[in-house]
Amino acid sequence: MPSTSKEELGRRRFELQKEQAIEAAIEKIRRAPDAGWASFSGGDYTRLREILAEIWIGVDREKWQQYTFSTLTKEDIRELLELYGTAPGRAIPRATMEAMDAVISHTKNAGKKG
């Protein structure tokens, strides 16, 4: 029984850390001057939380810490929501995760200066 409770404790700790990281990211996005937060619906907000949860699970913590959520624009958020809409089912395909990472990392247009 002790191993089960240790496993359960580990799962709970993981979920708590994930929720805290997502809340912190959402708060940074909400306060971002170019995010246009008021223009998003409740459904958009829910989907954005799901996206951030999937990304948090899929990247290492060091990479997560390097994301600057406060610099995301309204267009970046719309693109994330669009990419998530193309992901079939619950699991986000690797290519979609990489595209989302590029949006959040601000590397999608690297080298494309206008």
C-alpha atoms as a PDB file:
ATOM      1  CA  MET A   1       0.000   0.000   0.000  1.00  0.00           C
ATOM      2  CA  PRO A   2       2.776   2.538   0.746  1.00  0.00           C
ATOM      3  CA  SER A   3       4.037   2.374  -2.867  1.00  0.00           C
ATOM      4  CA  THR A   4       0.547   3.186  -4.124  1.00  0.00           C
ATOM      5  CA  SER A   5       0.271   6.196  -1.867  1.00  0.00           C
ATOM      6  CA  LYS A   6       3.729   7.354  -2.991  1.00  0.00           C
ATOM      7  CA  GLU A   7       2.599   7.015  -6.599  1.00  0.00           C
ATOM      8  CA  GLU A   8      -0.589   8.912  -5.846  1.00  0.00           C
ATOM      9  CA  LEU A   9       1.390  11.619  -4.077  1.00  0.00           C
ATOM     10  CA  GLY A  10       3.677  11.872  -7.112  1.00  0.00           C
ATOM     11  CA  ARG A  11       0.694  12.221  -9.448  1.00  0.00           C
ATOM     12  CA  ARG A  12      -0.859  14.878  -7.259  1.00  0.00           C
ATOM     13  CA  ARG A  13       2.414  16.788  -7.050  1.00  0.00           C
ATOM     14  CA  PHE A  14       2.769  16.603 -10.843  1.00  0.00           C
ATOM     15  CA  GLU A  15      -0.786  17.896 -11.346  1.00  0.00           C
ATOM     16  CA  LEU A  16      -0.267  20.695  -8.832  1.00  0.00           C
ATOM     17  CA  GLN A  17       2.981  21.797 -10.487  1.00  0.00           C
ATOM     18  CA  LYS A  18       1.308  21.684 -13.898  1.00  0.00           C
ATOM     19  CA  GLU A  19      -1.663  23.753 -12.726  1.00  0.00           C
ATOM     20  CA  GLN A  20       0.592  26.326 -11.068  1.00  0.00           C
ATOM     21  CA  ALA A  21       2.732  26.644 -14.203  1.00  0.00           C
ATOM     22  CA  ILE A  22      -0.341  27.044 -16.412  1.00  0.00           C
ATOM     23  CA  GLU A  23      -1.894  29.638 -14.098  1.00  0.00           C
ATOM     24  CA  ALA A  24       1.342  31.644 -14.071  1.00  0.00           C
ATOM     25  CA  ALA A  25       1.552  31.481 -17.877  1.00  0.00           C
ATOM     26  CA  ILE A  26      -2.100  32.502 -18.299  1.00  0.00           C
ATOM     27  CA  GLU A  27      -1.605  35.446 -15.952  1.00  0.00           C
ATOM     28  CA  LYS A  28       1.429  36.626 -17.949  1.00  0.00           C
ATOM     29  CA  ILE A  29      -0.522  36.305 -21.195  1.00  0.00           C
ATOM     30  CA  ARG A  30      -3.545  38.081 -19.726  1.00  0.00           C
ATOM     31  CA  ARG A  31      -1.377  41.027 -18.701  1.00  0.00           C
ATOM     32  CA  ALA A  32       0.558  41.149 -21.984  1.00  0.00           C
ATOM     33  CA  PRO A  33      -0.089  44.457 -23.760  1.00  0.00           C
ATOM     34  CA  ASP A  34      -0.407  42.888 -27.229  1.00  0.00           C
ATOM     35  CA  ALA A  35      -2.401  39.783 -26.268  1.00  0.00           C
ATOM     36  CA  GLY A  36      -5.835  41.338 -26.726  1.00  0.00           C
ATOM     37  CA  TRP A  37      -7.096  39.157 -23.891  1.00  0.00           C
ATOM     38  CA  ALA A  38     -10.596  40.680 -23.837  1.00  0.00           C
ATOM     39  CA  SER A  39     -11.205  39.556 -27.427  1.00  0.00           C
ATOM     40  CA  PHE A  40     -11.054  35.853 -26.526  1.00  0.00           C
ATOM     41  CA  SER A  41     -14.066  33.808 -25.482  1.00  0.00           C
ATOM     42  CA  GLY A  42     -14.401  31.477 -22.522  1.00  0.00           C
ATOM     43  CA  GLY A  43     -13.980  28.559 -24.917  1.00  0.00           C
ATOM     44  CA  ASP A  44     -10.754  30.072 -26.237  1.00  0.00           C
ATOM     45  CA  TYR A  45      -9.514  30.434 -22.665  1.00  0.00           C
ATOM     46  CA  THR A  46     -10.314  26.784 -21.926  1.00  0.00           C
ATOM     47  CA  ARG A  47      -8.576  25.609 -25.097  1.00  0.00           C
ATOM     48  CA  LEU A  48      -5.538  27.786 -24.343  1.00  0.00           C
ATOM     49  CA  ARG A  49      -5.287  26.155 -20.896  1.00  0.00           C
ATOM     50  CA  GLU A  50      -5.433  22.723 -22.576  1.00  0.00           C
ATOM     51  CA  ILE A  51      -2.729  23.769 -25.048  1.00  0.00           C
ATOM     52  CA  LEU A  52      -0.462  25.034 -22.288  1.00  0.00           C
ATOM     53  CA  ALA A  53      -1.034  21.830 -20.304  1.00  0.00           C
ATOM     54  CA  GLU A  54      -0.012  19.687 -23.277  1.00  0.00           C
ATOM     55  CA  ILE A  55       3.054  21.826 -23.910  1.00  0.00           C
ATOM     56  CA  TRP A  56       4.022  21.758 -20.211  1.00  0.00           C
ATOM     57  CA  ILE A  57       3.830  17.965 -20.257  1.00  0.00           C
ATOM     58  CA  GLY A  58       5.727  17.715 -23.556  1.00  0.00           C
ATOM     59  CA  VAL A  59       8.724  19.975 -22.912  1.00  0.00           C
ATOM     60  CA  ASP A  60      11.395  19.872 -20.256  1.00  0.00           C
ATOM     61  CA  ARG A  61      11.092  22.328 -17.383  1.00  0.00           C
ATOM     62  CA  GLU A  62      14.125  24.343 -18.488  1.00  0.00           C
ATOM     63  CA  LYS A  63      12.520  25.031 -21.858  1.00  0.00           C
ATOM     64  CA  TRP A  64       9.214  25.954 -20.177  1.00  0.00           C
ATOM     65  CA  GLN A  65      11.077  28.456 -17.991  1.00  0.00           C
ATOM     66  CA  GLN A  66      12.562  30.071 -21.107  1.00  0.00           C
ATOM     67  CA  TYR A  67       9.175  30.837 -22.668  1.00  0.00           C
ATOM     68  CA  THR A  68       8.222  34.505 -22.432  1.00  0.00           C
ATOM     69  CA  PHE A  69       4.450  34.276 -22.303  1.00  0.00           C
ATOM     70  CA  SER A  70       4.185  38.014 -21.678  1.00  0.00           C
ATOM     71  CA  THR A  71       5.355  38.712 -25.232  1.00  0.00           C
ATOM     72  CA  LEU A  72       2.658  36.657 -26.963  1.00  0.00           C
ATOM     73  CA  THR A  73       0.446  38.689 -29.251  1.00  0.00           C
ATOM     74  CA  LYS A  74      -3.206  38.254 -30.130  1.00  0.00           C
ATOM     75  CA  GLU A  75      -2.067  36.723 -33.439  1.00  0.00           C
ATOM     76  CA  ASP A  76       0.208  34.257 -31.611  1.00  0.00           C
ATOM     77  CA  ILE A  77      -2.673  33.142 -29.409  1.00  0.00           C
ATOM     78  CA  ARG A  78      -4.996  32.790 -32.403  1.00  0.00           C
ATOM     79  CA  GLU A  79      -2.335  30.705 -34.149  1.00  0.00           C
ATOM     80  CA  LEU A  80      -1.994  28.429 -31.111  1.00  0.00           C
ATOM     81  CA  LEU A  81      -5.767  27.964 -31.019  1.00  0.00           C
ATOM     82  CA  GLU A  82      -5.804  27.224 -34.756  1.00  0.00           C
ATOM     83  CA  LEU A  83      -2.989  24.698 -34.465  1.00  0.00           C
ATOM     84  CA  TYR A  84      -4.774  23.008 -31.574  1.00  0.00           C
ATOM     85  CA  GLY A  85      -7.914  22.815 -33.683  1.00  0.00           C
ATOM     86  CA  THR A  86      -6.028  20.761 -36.278  1.00  0.00           C
ATOM     87  CA  ALA A  87      -4.821  18.243 -33.694  1.00  0.00           C
ATOM     88  CA  PRO A  88      -6.988  15.124 -33.916  1.00  0.00           C
ATOM     89  CA  GLY A  89      -8.163  13.695 -30.596  1.00  0.00           C
ATOM     90  CA  ARG A  90      -6.450  14.272 -27.257  1.00  0.00           C
ATOM     91  CA  ALA A  91      -2.807  13.723 -28.205  1.00  0.00           C
ATOM     92  CA  ILE A  92      -1.205  16.567 -30.122  1.00  0.00           C
ATOM     93  CA  PRO A  93       1.005  15.303 -32.967  1.00  0.00           C
ATOM     94  CA  ARG A  94       4.724  16.054 -32.721  1.00  0.00           C
ATOM     95  CA  ALA A  95       4.681  18.363 -35.769  1.00  0.00           C
ATOM     96  CA  THR A  96       1.871  20.410 -34.202  1.00  0.00           C
ATOM     97  CA  MET A  97       3.730  20.561 -30.874  1.00  0.00           C
ATOM     98  CA  GLU A  98       6.825  21.797 -32.713  1.00  0.00           C
ATOM     99  CA  ALA A  99       4.765  24.453 -34.496  1.00  0.00           C
ATOM    100  CA  MET A 100       3.271  25.564 -31.165  1.00  0.00           C
ATOM    101  CA  ASP A 101       6.740  25.666 -29.625  1.00  0.00           C
ATOM    102  CA  ALA A 102       7.892  27.883 -32.502  1.00  0.00           C
ATOM    103  CA  VAL A 103       5.014  30.290 -31.838  1.00  0.00           C
ATOM    104  CA  ILE A 104       5.689  30.484 -28.102  1.00  0.00           C
ATOM    105  CA  SER A 105       9.466  30.645 -28.591  1.00  0.00           C
ATOM    106  CA  HIS A 106       9.049  33.363 -31.226  1.00  0.00           C
ATOM    107  CA  THR A 107      11.161  31.333 -33.647  1.00  0.00           C
ATOM    108  CA  LYS A 108       8.554  30.691 -36.340  1.00  0.00           C
ATOM    109  CA  ASN A 109       9.710  33.718 -38.342  1.00  0.00           C
ATOM    110  CA  ALA A 110      13.364  33.641 -37.341  1.00  0.00           C
ATOM    111  CA  GLY A 111      15.439  34.736 -40.266  1.00  0.00           C
ATOM    112  CA  LYS A 112      12.416  36.254 -42.040  1.00  0.00           C
ATOM    113  CA  LYS A 113      12.961  39.941 -41.522  1.00  0.00           C
ATOM    114  CA  GLY A 114      10.858  42.294 -43.496  1.00  0.00           C
END
